[in-house]
């Protein structure tokens, strides 16, 4: 049985999670979203493809760990 993944560009991911592309590249990539787990660079190139299922799982895990916290533009969180 082969696993099936939904591959998303940074722009497609930004649209799905309602974040700016720049925020994904500068704040989330390599701190929250990790290469090999949440995204890949196919064929050793520069292009990044995010694995939607892994990103979604991380968002849900983080939301459950933190309760009702709202992310702030400064990088902090506010209790909801």
C-alpha atoms as a PDB file:
ATOM      1  CA  UNK A   1       0.000   0.000   0.000  1.00  0.00           C
ATOM      2  CA  UNK A   2       1.365   3.403  -0.983  1.00  0.00           C
ATOM      3  CA  UNK A   3       0.775   6.534   1.061  1.00  0.00           C
ATOM      4  CA  UNK A   4      -0.900   9.343  -0.822  1.00  0.00           C
ATOM      5  CA  UNK A   5      -0.008  12.968  -0.127  1.00  0.00           C
ATOM      6  CA  UNK A   6      -1.409  16.303  -1.203  1.00  0.00           C
ATOM      7  CA  UNK A   7       1.483  18.474  -2.357  1.00  0.00           C
ATOM      8  CA  UNK A   8       1.068  22.244  -2.065  1.00  0.00           C
ATOM      9  CA  UNK A   9       3.209  25.167  -3.138  1.00  0.00           C
ATOM     10  CA  UNK A  10       3.822  27.931  -0.613  1.00  0.00           C
ATOM     11  CA  UNK A  11       1.096  29.999  -2.277  1.00  0.00           C
ATOM     12  CA  UNK A  12      -1.417  27.139  -2.140  1.00  0.00           C
ATOM     13  CA  UNK A  13      -0.594  26.455   1.510  1.00  0.00           C
ATOM     14  CA  UNK A  14      -0.941  30.154   2.342  1.00  0.00           C
ATOM     15  CA  UNK A  15      -4.392  30.168   0.775  1.00  0.00           C
ATOM     16  CA  UNK A  16      -5.485  27.101   2.741  1.00  0.00           C
ATOM     17  CA  UNK A  17      -4.278  28.233   6.153  1.00  0.00           C
ATOM     18  CA  UNK A  18      -4.938  31.966   5.605  1.00  0.00           C
ATOM     19  CA  UNK A  19      -1.339  33.032   6.205  1.00  0.00           C
ATOM     20  CA  UNK A  20       0.872  35.259   4.102  1.00  0.00           C
ATOM     21  CA  UNK A  21       3.478  33.447   1.973  1.00  0.00           C
ATOM     22  CA  UNK A  22       6.200  35.511   3.604  1.00  0.00           C
ATOM     23  CA  UNK A  23       5.076  34.396   7.076  1.00  0.00           C
ATOM     24  CA  UNK A  24       5.299  30.764   5.993  1.00  0.00           C
ATOM     25  CA  UNK A  25       8.789  31.243   4.534  1.00  0.00           C
ATOM     26  CA  UNK A  26      10.222  33.421   7.311  1.00  0.00           C
ATOM     27  CA  UNK A  27       8.472  32.299  10.508  1.00  0.00           C
ATOM     28  CA  UNK A  28       7.100  28.785  10.042  1.00  0.00           C
ATOM     29  CA  UNK A  29       9.503  27.038   7.661  1.00  0.00           C
ATOM     30  CA  UNK A  30      12.347  25.358   9.535  1.00  0.00           C
ATOM     31  CA  UNK A  31      10.974  26.301  12.957  1.00  0.00           C
ATOM     32  CA  UNK A  32       7.510  24.717  12.971  1.00  0.00           C
ATOM     33  CA  UNK A  33       7.397  23.164   9.511  1.00  0.00           C
ATOM     34  CA  UNK A  34      10.388  20.896   9.043  1.00  0.00           C
ATOM     35  CA  UNK A  35      11.978  19.565   5.876  1.00  0.00           C
ATOM     36  CA  UNK A  36      11.303  15.862   5.409  1.00  0.00           C
ATOM     37  CA  UNK A  37       8.295  15.972   7.716  1.00  0.00           C
ATOM     38  CA  UNK A  38       6.147  18.895   6.554  1.00  0.00           C
ATOM     39  CA  UNK A  39       7.787  19.752   3.241  1.00  0.00           C
ATOM     40  CA  UNK A  40      10.154  18.374   0.648  1.00  0.00           C
ATOM     41  CA  UNK A  41      12.421  19.712  -2.067  1.00  0.00           C
ATOM     42  CA  UNK A  42      11.784  17.243  -4.886  1.00  0.00           C
ATOM     43  CA  UNK A  43      14.657  16.121  -7.080  1.00  0.00           C
ATOM     44  CA  UNK A  44      17.175  18.094  -4.992  1.00  0.00           C
ATOM     45  CA  UNK A  45      15.900  21.381  -6.401  1.00  0.00           C
ATOM     46  CA  UNK A  46      14.959  24.678  -4.837  1.00  0.00           C
ATOM     47  CA  UNK A  47      11.205  24.274  -5.195  1.00  0.00           C
ATOM     48  CA  UNK A  48       9.400  23.518  -1.945  1.00  0.00           C
ATOM     49  CA  UNK A  49       6.291  21.366  -1.773  1.00  0.00           C
ATOM     50  CA  UNK A  50       4.401  21.171   1.493  1.00  0.00           C
ATOM     51  CA  UNK A  51       2.734  17.919   2.540  1.00  0.00           C
ATOM     52  CA  UNK A  52      -0.780  19.050   3.421  1.00  0.00           C
ATOM     53  CA  UNK A  53      -1.643  16.096   5.654  1.00  0.00           C
ATOM     54  CA  UNK A  54       1.481  16.610   7.799  1.00  0.00           C
ATOM     55  CA  UNK A  55       0.925  20.378   8.030  1.00  0.00           C
ATOM     56  CA  UNK A  56      -2.717  19.896   8.991  1.00  0.00           C
ATOM     57  CA  UNK A  57      -1.773  17.311  11.615  1.00  0.00           C
ATOM     58  CA  UNK A  58       0.816  19.715  13.071  1.00  0.00           C
ATOM     59  CA  UNK A  59      -1.718  22.556  13.235  1.00  0.00           C
ATOM     60  CA  UNK A  60      -4.231  20.353  15.041  1.00  0.00           C
ATOM     61  CA  UNK A  61      -1.603  18.961  17.407  1.00  0.00           C
ATOM     62  CA  UNK A  62      -0.359  22.435  18.260  1.00  0.00           C
ATOM     63  CA  UNK A  63      -3.913  23.717  18.750  1.00  0.00           C
ATOM     64  CA  UNK A  64      -4.695  20.850  21.131  1.00  0.00           C
ATOM     65  CA  UNK A  65      -1.432  21.353  23.059  1.00  0.00           C
ATOM     66  CA  UNK A  66      -1.988  25.066  23.584  1.00  0.00           C
ATOM     67  CA  UNK A  67      -5.726  25.164  24.116  1.00  0.00           C
ATOM     68  CA  UNK A  68      -7.437  28.324  22.896  1.00  0.00           C
ATOM     69  CA  UNK A  69      -4.420  30.484  22.057  1.00  0.00           C
ATOM     70  CA  UNK A  70      -4.537  32.969  19.213  1.00  0.00           C
ATOM     71  CA  UNK A  71      -1.282  33.602  17.301  1.00  0.00           C
ATOM     72  CA  UNK A  72      -0.238  37.262  17.222  1.00  0.00           C
ATOM     73  CA  UNK A  73       1.668  39.044  14.434  1.00  0.00           C
ATOM     74  CA  UNK A  74       4.613  39.546  16.827  1.00  0.00           C
ATOM     75  CA  UNK A  75       5.032  35.780  17.119  1.00  0.00           C
ATOM     76  CA  UNK A  76       3.464  35.531  20.566  1.00  0.00           C
ATOM     77  CA  UNK A  77       0.090  34.154  21.574  1.00  0.00           C
ATOM     78  CA  UNK A  78      -3.024  35.602  23.190  1.00  0.00           C
ATOM     79  CA  UNK A  79      -5.411  33.563  25.359  1.00  0.00           C
ATOM     80  CA  UNK A  80      -8.714  33.227  23.548  1.00  0.00           C
END
